Amino acid sequence: MELKSSAKISLYVLLLALAAIWLFPVLWIIISSFKTNNDLYSFPPRFWPETITFQHFIDAFEKGNFGRYFLNSAIVTISSTLLLLLINSMAGFALAKYKFKGATVLLVGFLSTLMIPLEVIMIPIFKVLSFLGMFNSLLALIIPPAATPTGVFLIRQYLLSVPDELLEAARIDGASEWRIYTQIILPVCKPILAVLAIFSFMWRWDDFLWPLIGISDPSLYTIQLALSNFIGEYNVDWGSLLAMSVITMIPVLVVFIIFQRQFVSGMVTSGMK
């Protein structure tokens, strides 16, 4: 028993040390955003500032028009996430519970796209969006990631655990396929939908490369593109950049805290089938 207790204590100490190493850069960014310029550029670097200031946050909002950029990012992130949950849940439901020719081939085709990096398909996506008149609009950021092979696969794997007899009983009672989807499938899928919601929110909120390609109008910039405005050719406004970087962490952290219980449950269950 003593050996087991010592092993547990050693494991916890190791995990705490690894967590501290991982969190240190994040903590440094947060603390640095409240430093004065003298503390920020001091050498040797000071971990804790002599004077705490909110001036970097004030300057960033005054110079950067970040209210508009936050709104753009919120519209893109929320709309894309809702579309992703709708489309992926429908596709996962069909692949898990409907028997039709080519279902396996279709699933393999979905999964094979995971091996294709975004850089390879950027030009085709750009041409399609330009042809449809979506270039330089928020739709160019909302539509392309509205369905992902990862989401389809996770939901399919999760729904394999749902008994087919449950759906058959609903059909015998006269329930339509749409009613089965909305009143049985979606409630059952809450944990895995929470997982996808968190992933999608993080992907869309932190995305930089595709908005850089799909948007040229500064008024439509997302928050990540706006952060690049603080990086000039010859200098970097580190104070404002750090302050806004801290602000951008908050929405993702809030979403994760809200869905953390479903996130853990969904991650554990989805890959077991």
C-alpha atoms as a PDB file:
ATOM      1  CA  MET A   1       0.000   0.000   0.000  1.00  0.00           C
ATOM      2  CA  GLU A   2       2.833   2.389   0.843  1.00  0.00           C
ATOM      3  CA  LEU A   3       4.500   1.657  -2.490  1.00  0.00           C
ATOM      4  CA  LYS A   4       1.255   2.378  -4.328  1.00  0.00           C
ATOM      5  CA  SER A   5       0.802   5.642  -2.426  1.00  0.00           C
ATOM      6  CA  SER A   6       4.387   6.686  -3.183  1.00  0.00           C
ATOM      7  CA  ALA A   7       3.902   5.852  -6.857  1.00  0.00           C
ATOM      8  CA  LYS A   8       0.709   7.930  -6.983  1.00  0.00           C
ATOM      9  CA  ILE A   9       2.407  10.874  -5.282  1.00  0.00           C
ATOM     10  CA  SER A  10       5.343  10.671  -7.695  1.00  0.00           C
ATOM     11  CA  LEU A  11       2.957  10.526 -10.646  1.00  0.00           C
ATOM     12  CA  TYR A  12       1.011  13.549  -9.421  1.00  0.00           C
ATOM     13  CA  VAL A  13       4.204  15.525  -8.859  1.00  0.00           C
ATOM     14  CA  LEU A  14       5.384  14.660 -12.381  1.00  0.00           C
ATOM     15  CA  LEU A  15       2.031  15.652 -13.890  1.00  0.00           C
ATOM     16  CA  LEU A  16       2.011  18.928 -11.956  1.00  0.00           C
ATOM     17  CA  ALA A  17       5.544  19.692 -13.149  1.00  0.00           C
ATOM     18  CA  LEU A  18       4.575  19.006 -16.774  1.00  0.00           C
ATOM     19  CA  ALA A  19       1.441  21.141 -16.395  1.00  0.00           C
ATOM     20  CA  ALA A  20       3.529  23.987 -14.957  1.00  0.00           C
ATOM     21  CA  ILE A  21       5.987  23.783 -17.867  1.00  0.00           C
ATOM     22  CA  TRP A  22       3.100  23.835 -20.366  1.00  0.00           C
ATOM     23  CA  LEU A  23       1.297  26.727 -18.638  1.00  0.00           C
ATOM     24  CA  PHE A  24       4.368  28.891 -18.052  1.00  0.00           C
ATOM     25  CA  PRO A  25       4.411  30.560 -21.515  1.00  0.00           C
ATOM     26  CA  VAL A  26       0.675  31.283 -21.271  1.00  0.00           C
ATOM     27  CA  LEU A  27       1.106  32.736 -17.793  1.00  0.00           C
ATOM     28  CA  TRP A  28       4.031  34.833 -19.030  1.00  0.00           C
ATOM     29  CA  ILE A  29       1.869  36.300 -21.822  1.00  0.00           C
ATOM     30  CA  ILE A  30      -0.948  37.143 -19.406  1.00  0.00           C
ATOM     31  CA  ILE A  31       1.359  38.820 -16.892  1.00  0.00           C
ATOM     32  CA  SER A  32       3.324  40.644 -19.618  1.00  0.00           C
ATOM     33  CA  SER A  33       0.137  42.209 -20.965  1.00  0.00           C
ATOM     34  CA  PHE A  34      -0.134  44.166 -17.685  1.00  0.00           C
ATOM     35  CA  LYS A  35       3.482  45.377 -17.701  1.00  0.00           C
ATOM     36  CA  THR A  36       4.620  48.884 -18.515  1.00  0.00           C
ATOM     37  CA  ASN A  37       6.917  49.328 -21.492  1.00  0.00           C
ATOM     38  CA  ASN A  38       9.894  49.685 -19.160  1.00  0.00           C
ATOM     39  CA  ASP A  39       9.133  46.330 -17.537  1.00  0.00           C
ATOM     40  CA  LEU A  40       8.269  44.730 -20.859  1.00  0.00           C
ATOM     41  CA  TYR A  41      11.614  45.598 -22.467  1.00  0.00           C
ATOM     42  CA  SER A  42      13.765  45.319 -19.357  1.00  0.00           C
ATOM     43  CA  PHE A  43      16.840  43.080 -19.341  1.00  0.00           C
ATOM     44  CA  PRO A  44      17.142  40.719 -17.663  1.00  0.00           C
ATOM     45  CA  PRO A  45      13.411  40.059 -18.060  1.00  0.00           C
ATOM     46  CA  ARG A  46      11.204  40.456 -15.008  1.00  0.00           C
ATOM     47  CA  PHE A  47       8.496  37.847 -14.476  1.00  0.00           C
ATOM     48  CA  TRP A  48       6.372  40.062 -12.214  1.00  0.00           C
ATOM     49  CA  PRO A  49       5.983  43.748 -13.144  1.00  0.00           C
ATOM     50  CA  GLU A  50       6.883  46.549 -10.770  1.00  0.00           C
ATOM     51  CA  THR A  51       3.773  48.446 -11.880  1.00  0.00           C
ATOM     52  CA  ILE A  52       0.528  46.934 -13.183  1.00  0.00           C
ATOM     53  CA  THR A  53      -1.135  48.858 -16.002  1.00  0.00           C
ATOM     54  CA  PHE A  54      -4.157  48.420 -18.267  1.00  0.00           C
ATOM     55  CA  GLN A  55      -2.867  50.931 -20.807  1.00  0.00           C
ATOM     56  CA  HIS A  56      -2.005  48.282 -23.396  1.00  0.00           C
ATOM     57  CA  PHE A  57      -5.623  47.097 -23.436  1.00  0.00           C
ATOM     58  CA  ILE A  58      -6.908  50.667 -23.768  1.00  0.00           C
ATOM     59  CA  ASP A  59      -4.456  51.513 -26.561  1.00  0.00           C
ATOM     60  CA  ALA A  60      -5.263  48.318 -28.462  1.00  0.00           C
ATOM     61  CA  PHE A  61      -8.998  48.988 -28.466  1.00  0.00           C
ATOM     62  CA  GLU A  62      -8.549  52.651 -29.357  1.00  0.00           C
ATOM     63  CA  LYS A  63      -6.108  52.021 -32.211  1.00  0.00           C
ATOM     64  CA  GLY A  64      -7.303  48.656 -33.455  1.00  0.00           C
ATOM     65  CA  ASN A  65     -11.122  48.861 -33.766  1.00  0.00           C
ATOM     66  CA  PHE A  66     -11.238  45.464 -32.089  1.00  0.00           C
ATOM     67  CA  GLY A  67     -14.952  45.613 -31.399  1.00  0.00           C
ATOM     68  CA  ARG A  68     -15.620  45.179 -35.115  1.00  0.00           C
ATOM     69  CA  TYR A  69     -13.081  42.382 -35.469  1.00  0.00           C
ATOM     70  CA  PHE A  70     -14.505  40.530 -32.473  1.00  0.00           C
ATOM     71  CA  LEU A  71     -17.962  40.744 -34.058  1.00  0.00           C
ATOM     72  CA  ASN A  72     -16.637  39.361 -37.368  1.00  0.00           C
ATOM     73  CA  SER A  73     -14.925  36.470 -35.589  1.00  0.00           C
ATOM     74  CA  ALA A  74     -18.043  35.758 -33.533  1.00  0.00           C
ATOM     75  CA  ILE A  75     -20.263  35.664 -36.641  1.00  0.00           C
ATOM     76  CA  VAL A  76     -17.864  33.369 -38.506  1.00  0.00           C
ATOM     77  CA  THR A  77     -17.183  31.066 -35.551  1.00  0.00           C
ATOM     78  CA  ILE A  78     -20.768  30.638 -34.368  1.00  0.00           C
ATOM     79  CA  SER A  79     -22.271  30.273 -37.858  1.00  0.00           C
ATOM     80  CA  SER A  80     -19.622  27.810 -39.010  1.00  0.00           C
ATOM     81  CA  THR A  81     -19.926  25.768 -35.814  1.00  0.00           C
ATOM     82  CA  LEU A  82     -23.719  25.496 -36.069  1.00  0.00           C
ATOM     83  CA  LEU A  83     -23.491  24.451 -39.720  1.00  0.00           C
ATOM     84  CA  LEU A  84     -20.812  21.916 -38.885  1.00  0.00           C
ATOM     85  CA  LEU A  85     -22.907  20.339 -36.129  1.00  0.00           C
ATOM     86  CA  LEU A  86     -25.971  20.140 -38.390  1.00  0.00           C
ATOM     87  CA  ILE A  87     -24.252  18.721 -41.480  1.00  0.00           C
ATOM     88  CA  ASN A  88     -21.899  16.357 -39.656  1.00  0.00           C
ATOM     89  CA  SER A  89     -24.632  14.974 -37.410  1.00  0.00           C
ATOM     90  CA  MET A  90     -26.824  14.232 -40.436  1.00  0.00           C
ATOM     91  CA  ALA A  91     -23.971  12.583 -42.322  1.00  0.00           C
ATOM     92  CA  GLY A  92     -22.852  10.591 -39.291  1.00  0.00           C
ATOM     93  CA  PHE A  93     -26.427   9.442 -38.664  1.00  0.00           C
ATOM     94  CA  ALA A  94     -26.798   8.271 -42.261  1.00  0.00           C
ATOM     95  CA  LEU A  95     -23.497   6.383 -42.293  1.00  0.00           C
ATOM     96  CA  ALA A  96     -24.137   4.742 -38.918  1.00  0.00           C
ATOM     97  CA  LYS A  97     -27.787   3.742 -39.192  1.00  0.00           C
ATOM     98  CA  TYR A  98     -28.701   3.472 -42.870  1.00  0.00           C
ATOM     99  CA  LYS A  99     -27.704   0.479 -44.963  1.00  0.00           C
ATOM    100  CA  PHE A 100     -27.016   1.327 -48.589  1.00  0.00           C
ATOM    101  CA  LYS A 101     -24.570   0.338 -51.283  1.00  0.00           C
ATOM    102  CA  GLY A 102     -21.307   2.225 -51.194  1.00  0.00           C
ATOM    103  CA  ALA A 103     -21.595   3.319 -47.550  1.00  0.00           C
ATOM    104  CA  THR A 104     -18.169   1.893 -46.697  1.00  0.00           C
ATOM    105  CA  VAL A 105     -16.595   3.397 -49.810  1.00  0.00           C
ATOM    106  CA  LEU A 106     -18.144   6.750 -48.960  1.00  0.00           C
ATOM    107  CA  LEU A 107     -16.800   6.600 -45.410  1.00  0.00           C
ATOM    108  CA  VAL A 108     -13.313   5.669 -46.626  1.00  0.00           C
ATOM    109  CA  GLY A 109     -13.512   8.563 -49.081  1.00  0.00           C
ATOM    110  CA  PHE A 110     -14.381  10.936 -46.242  1.00  0.00           C
ATOM    111  CA  LEU A 111     -11.532   9.701 -44.089  1.00  0.00           C
ATOM    112  CA  SER A 112      -9.016   9.776 -46.938  1.00  0.00           C
ATOM    113  CA  THR A 113      -9.455  13.542 -47.181  1.00  0.00           C
ATOM    114  CA  LEU A 114      -7.839  13.806 -43.738  1.00  0.00           C
ATOM    115  CA  MET A 115      -4.519  13.062 -45.432  1.00  0.00           C
ATOM    116  CA  ILE A 116      -4.860  16.072 -47.746  1.00  0.00           C
ATOM    117  CA  PRO A 117      -3.410  19.256 -46.201  1.00  0.00           C
ATOM    118  CA  LEU A 118      -5.249  22.540 -46.558  1.00  0.00           C
ATOM    119  CA  GLU A 119      -2.441  24.015 -48.645  1.00  0.00           C
ATOM    120  CA  VAL A 120      -3.187  21.517 -51.428  1.00  0.00           C
ATOM    121  CA  ILE A 121      -6.869  22.458 -51.792  1.00  0.00           C
ATOM    122  CA  MET A 122      -6.615  26.190 -51.147  1.00  0.00           C
ATOM    123  CA  ILE A 123      -6.534  27.146 -54.824  1.00  0.00           C
ATOM    124  CA  PRO A 124      -9.565  24.980 -55.811  1.00  0.00           C
ATOM    125  CA  ILE A 125     -11.564  26.316 -52.855  1.00  0.00           C
ATOM    126  CA  PHE A 126     -10.579  29.868 -53.724  1.00  0.00           C
ATOM    127  CA  LYS A 127     -11.676  29.411 -57.341  1.00  0.00           C
ATOM    128  CA  VAL A 128     -15.019  27.914 -56.324  1.00  0.00           C
ATOM    129  CA  LEU A 129     -15.720  30.753 -53.902  1.00  0.00           C
ATOM    130  CA  SER A 130     -14.735  33.344 -56.518  1.00  0.00           C
ATOM    131  CA  PHE A 131     -17.030  31.700 -59.073  1.00  0.00           C
ATOM    132  CA  LEU A 132     -19.924  31.758 -56.581  1.00  0.00           C
ATOM    133  CA  GLY A 133     -19.272  35.393 -55.689  1.00  0.00           C
ATOM    134  CA  MET A 134     -18.389  34.653 -52.059  1.00  0.00           C
ATOM    135  CA  PHE A 135     -14.819  35.937 -52.150  1.00  0.00           C
ATOM    136  CA  ASN A 136     -14.112  38.830 -49.784  1.00  0.00           C
ATOM    137  CA  SER A 137     -17.189  38.133 -47.661  1.00  0.00           C
ATOM    138  CA  LEU A 138     -17.769  36.377 -44.354  1.00  0.00           C
ATOM    139  CA  LEU A 139     -19.416  33.535 -46.284  1.00  0.00           C
ATOM    140  CA  ALA A 140     -15.965  32.696 -47.642  1.00  0.00           C
ATOM    141  CA  LEU A 141     -14.950  31.868 -44.064  1.00  0.00           C
ATOM    142  CA  ILE A 142     -18.211  30.186 -42.999  1.00  0.00           C
ATOM    143  CA  ILE A 143     -19.021  27.807 -45.872  1.00  0.00           C
ATOM    144  CA  PRO A 144     -15.741  25.877 -46.557  1.00  0.00           C
ATOM    145  CA  PRO A 145     -15.324  24.437 -43.020  1.00  0.00           C
ATOM    146  CA  ALA A 146     -19.059  23.724 -42.593  1.00  0.00           C
ATOM    147  CA  ALA A 147     -18.424  19.958 -42.778  1.00  0.00           C
ATOM    148  CA  THR A 148     -15.361  18.004 -41.725  1.00  0.00           C
ATOM    149  CA  PRO A 149     -14.428  14.329 -42.154  1.00  0.00           C
ATOM    150  CA  THR A 150     -13.305  14.260 -38.534  1.00  0.00           C
ATOM    151  CA  GLY A 151     -16.759  15.273 -37.358  1.00  0.00           C
ATOM    152  CA  VAL A 152     -18.519  12.754 -39.580  1.00  0.00           C
ATOM    153  CA  PHE A 153     -16.277   9.956 -38.335  1.00  0.00           C
ATOM    154  CA  LEU A 154     -16.660  10.834 -34.644  1.00  0.00           C
ATOM    155  CA  ILE A 155     -20.445  11.052 -34.828  1.00  0.00           C
ATOM    156  CA  ARG A 156     -20.681   7.813 -36.815  1.00  0.00           C
ATOM    157  CA  GLN A 157     -18.544   6.003 -34.250  1.00  0.00           C
ATOM    158  CA  TYR A 158     -20.620   7.410 -31.421  1.00  0.00           C
ATOM    159  CA  LEU A 159     -23.943   6.429 -33.017  1.00  0.00           C
ATOM    160  CA  LEU A 160     -22.820   2.837 -33.509  1.00  0.00           C
ATOM    161  CA  SER A 161     -23.454   2.421 -29.776  1.00  0.00           C
ATOM    162  CA  VAL A 162     -27.124   3.419 -30.165  1.00  0.00           C
ATOM    163  CA  PRO A 163     -29.317   0.274 -30.518  1.00  0.00           C
ATOM    164  CA  ASP A 164     -31.030  -0.091 -33.874  1.00  0.00           C
ATOM    165  CA  GLU A 165     -34.084  -1.418 -32.006  1.00  0.00           C
ATOM    166  CA  LEU A 166     -34.615   2.054 -30.530  1.00  0.00           C
ATOM    167  CA  LEU A 167     -34.964   3.573 -33.987  1.00  0.00           C
ATOM    168  CA  GLU A 168     -37.122   0.698 -35.236  1.00  0.00           C
ATOM    169  CA  ALA A 169     -39.485   1.146 -32.290  1.00  0.00           C
ATOM    170  CA  ALA A 170     -39.808   4.831 -33.128  1.00  0.00           C
ATOM    171  CA  ARG A 171     -40.610   4.014 -36.757  1.00  0.00           C
ATOM    172  CA  ILE A 172     -43.260   1.486 -35.668  1.00  0.00           C
ATOM    173  CA  ASP A 173     -44.840   4.225 -33.542  1.00  0.00           C
ATOM    174  CA  GLY A 174     -45.083   6.361 -36.684  1.00  0.00           C
ATOM    175  CA  ALA A 175     -42.157   8.688 -36.168  1.00  0.00           C
ATOM    176  CA  SER A 176     -40.713  10.226 -39.315  1.00  0.00           C
ATOM    177  CA  GLU A 177     -36.980  10.147 -40.052  1.00  0.00           C
ATOM    178  CA  TRP A 178     -36.752  13.847 -39.297  1.00  0.00           C
ATOM    179  CA  ARG A 179     -38.441  13.324 -35.922  1.00  0.00           C
ATOM    180  CA  ILE A 180     -36.082  10.440 -35.145  1.00  0.00           C
ATOM    181  CA  TYR A 181     -33.150  12.672 -35.987  1.00  0.00           C
ATOM    182  CA  THR A 182     -34.322  15.657 -33.913  1.00  0.00           C
ATOM    183  CA  GLN A 183     -35.848  13.868 -30.913  1.00  0.00           C
ATOM    184  CA  ILE A 184     -33.653  10.780 -30.581  1.00  0.00           C
ATOM    185  CA  ILE A 185     -30.350  11.200 -32.404  1.00  0.00           C
ATOM    186  CA  LEU A 186     -29.527  14.788 -31.400  1.00  0.00           C
ATOM    187  CA  PRO A 187     -30.262  14.305 -27.659  1.00  0.00           C
ATOM    188  CA  VAL A 188     -28.223  11.100 -27.639  1.00  0.00           C
ATOM    189  CA  CYS A 189     -25.348  12.837 -29.442  1.00  0.00           C
ATOM    190  CA  LYS A 190     -24.979  15.713 -26.980  1.00  0.00           C
ATOM    191  CA  PRO A 191     -21.547  14.598 -25.657  1.00  0.00           C
ATOM    192  CA  ILE A 192     -19.954  14.155 -29.079  1.00  0.00           C
ATOM    193  CA  LEU A 193     -21.628  17.312 -30.394  1.00  0.00           C
ATOM    194  CA  ALA A 194     -20.030  19.168 -27.471  1.00  0.00           C
ATOM    195  CA  VAL A 195     -16.634  17.785 -28.534  1.00  0.00           C
ATOM    196  CA  LEU A 196     -17.147  18.979 -32.105  1.00  0.00           C
ATOM    197  CA  ALA A 197     -18.457  22.334 -30.935  1.00  0.00           C
ATOM    198  CA  ILE A 198     -15.298  22.963 -28.891  1.00  0.00           C
ATOM    199  CA  PHE A 199     -13.005  21.827 -31.698  1.00  0.00           C
ATOM    200  CA  SER A 200     -14.850  23.863 -34.321  1.00  0.00           C
ATOM    201  CA  PHE A 201     -14.899  26.947 -32.111  1.00  0.00           C
ATOM    202  CA  MET A 202     -11.150  26.716 -31.537  1.00  0.00           C
ATOM    203  CA  TRP A 203     -10.384  26.040 -35.216  1.00  0.00           C
ATOM    204  CA  ARG A 204     -12.486  28.911 -36.520  1.00  0.00           C
ATOM    205  CA  TRP A 205     -11.595  31.395 -33.785  1.00  0.00           C
ATOM    206  CA  ASP A 206      -7.845  30.796 -34.126  1.00  0.00           C
ATOM    207  CA  ASP A 207      -7.774  30.396 -37.903  1.00  0.00           C
ATOM    208  CA  PHE A 208      -5.386  32.772 -39.639  1.00  0.00           C
ATOM    209  CA  LEU A 209      -4.284  31.311 -42.963  1.00  0.00           C
ATOM    210  CA  TRP A 210      -7.652  30.888 -44.674  1.00  0.00           C
ATOM    211  CA  PRO A 211      -9.065  34.301 -43.600  1.00  0.00           C
ATOM    212  CA  LEU A 212      -5.844  35.834 -44.908  1.00  0.00           C
ATOM    213  CA  ILE A 213      -6.649  34.339 -48.328  1.00  0.00           C
ATOM    214  CA  GLY A 214     -10.427  34.711 -48.379  1.00  0.00           C
ATOM    215  CA  ILE A 215     -10.661  38.278 -47.052  1.00  0.00           C
ATOM    216  CA  SER A 216      -9.077  41.442 -48.432  1.00  0.00           C
ATOM    217  CA  ASP A 217     -11.422  44.087 -47.002  1.00  0.00           C
ATOM    218  CA  PRO A 218      -9.981  45.298 -43.651  1.00  0.00           C
ATOM    219  CA  SER A 219     -13.500  45.892 -42.291  1.00  0.00           C
ATOM    220  CA  LEU A 220     -14.146  42.126 -42.580  1.00  0.00           C
ATOM    221  CA  TYR A 221     -10.975  41.042 -40.801  1.00  0.00           C
ATOM    222  CA  THR A 222     -11.261  38.458 -38.063  1.00  0.00           C
ATOM    223  CA  ILE A 223      -9.515  38.879 -34.736  1.00  0.00           C
ATOM    224  CA  GLN A 224      -6.465  36.866 -35.811  1.00  0.00           C
ATOM    225  CA  LEU A 225      -5.924  39.031 -38.887  1.00  0.00           C
ATOM    226  CA  ALA A 226      -6.369  42.119 -36.744  1.00  0.00           C
ATOM    227  CA  LEU A 227      -3.591  40.957 -34.424  1.00  0.00           C
ATOM    228  CA  SER A 228      -1.202  40.989 -37.359  1.00  0.00           C
ATOM    229  CA  ASN A 229      -1.775  44.754 -37.670  1.00  0.00           C
ATOM    230  CA  PHE A 230       0.404  45.236 -34.597  1.00  0.00           C
ATOM    231  CA  ILE A 231       3.349  43.685 -36.441  1.00  0.00           C
ATOM    232  CA  GLY A 232       5.043  46.232 -38.648  1.00  0.00           C
ATOM    233  CA  GLU A 233       7.941  45.981 -41.069  1.00  0.00           C
ATOM    234  CA  TYR A 234      10.477  47.335 -38.612  1.00  0.00           C
ATOM    235  CA  ASN A 235       8.861  47.054 -35.187  1.00  0.00           C
ATOM    236  CA  VAL A 236       6.219  45.180 -33.210  1.00  0.00           C
ATOM    237  CA  ASP A 237       3.762  46.768 -30.785  1.00  0.00           C
ATOM    238  CA  TRP A 238       4.281  44.049 -28.198  1.00  0.00           C
ATOM    239  CA  GLY A 239       2.151  45.656 -25.508  1.00  0.00           C
ATOM    240  CA  SER A 240      -1.007  45.845 -27.621  1.00  0.00           C
ATOM    241  CA  LEU A 241      -0.303  42.487 -29.241  1.00  0.00           C
ATOM    242  CA  LEU A 242       0.000  40.749 -25.865  1.00  0.00           C
ATOM    243  CA  ALA A 243      -3.086  42.491 -24.487  1.00  0.00           C
ATOM    244  CA  MET A 244      -5.292  41.456 -27.398  1.00  0.00           C
ATOM    245  CA  SER A 245      -3.827  37.949 -27.383  1.00  0.00           C
ATOM    246  CA  VAL A 246      -5.023  37.592 -23.804  1.00  0.00           C
ATOM    247  CA  ILE A 247      -8.489  38.825 -24.760  1.00  0.00           C
ATOM    248  CA  THR A 248      -8.715  36.300 -27.596  1.00  0.00           C
ATOM    249  CA  MET A 249      -8.075  33.434 -25.156  1.00  0.00           C
ATOM    250  CA  ILE A 250     -11.200  34.178 -23.131  1.00  0.00           C
ATOM    251  CA  PRO A 251     -13.970  32.993 -25.543  1.00  0.00           C
ATOM    252  CA  VAL A 252     -12.315  29.606 -26.143  1.00  0.00           C
ATOM    253  CA  LEU A 253     -11.747  29.140 -22.409  1.00  0.00           C
ATOM    254  CA  VAL A 254     -15.383  29.991 -21.641  1.00  0.00           C
ATOM    255  CA  VAL A 255     -16.686  27.536 -24.257  1.00  0.00           C
ATOM    256  CA  PHE A 256     -14.474  24.768 -22.918  1.00  0.00           C
ATOM    257  CA  ILE A 257     -15.583  25.383 -19.327  1.00  0.00           C
ATOM    258  CA  ILE A 258     -19.237  25.222 -20.370  1.00  0.00           C
ATOM    259  CA  PHE A 259     -18.885  21.969 -22.318  1.00  0.00           C
ATOM    260  CA  GLN A 260     -16.022  20.298 -20.440  1.00  0.00           C
ATOM    261  CA  ARG A 261     -18.137  17.501 -18.931  1.00  0.00           C
ATOM    262  CA  GLN A 262     -19.680  16.573 -22.288  1.00  0.00           C
ATOM    263  CA  PHE A 263     -16.268  16.954 -23.909  1.00  0.00           C
ATOM    264  CA  VAL A 264     -14.667  14.307 -21.702  1.00  0.00           C
ATOM    265  CA  SER A 265     -17.633  11.955 -22.072  1.00  0.00           C
ATOM    266  CA  GLY A 266     -17.720  12.340 -25.840  1.00  0.00           C
ATOM    267  CA  MET A 267     -13.988  11.816 -26.299  1.00  0.00           C
ATOM    268  CA  VAL A 268     -14.038   8.654 -24.193  1.00  0.00           C
ATOM    269  CA  THR A 269     -17.064   7.144 -25.943  1.00  0.00           C
ATOM    270  CA  SER A 270     -16.565   8.110 -29.588  1.00  0.00           C
ATOM    271  CA  GLY A 271     -13.430   6.071 -30.211  1.00  0.00           C
ATOM    272  CA  MET A 272     -14.508   2.877 -28.464  1.00  0.00           C
ATOM    273  CA  LYS A 273     -16.497   1.339 -31.319  1.00  0.00           C
END
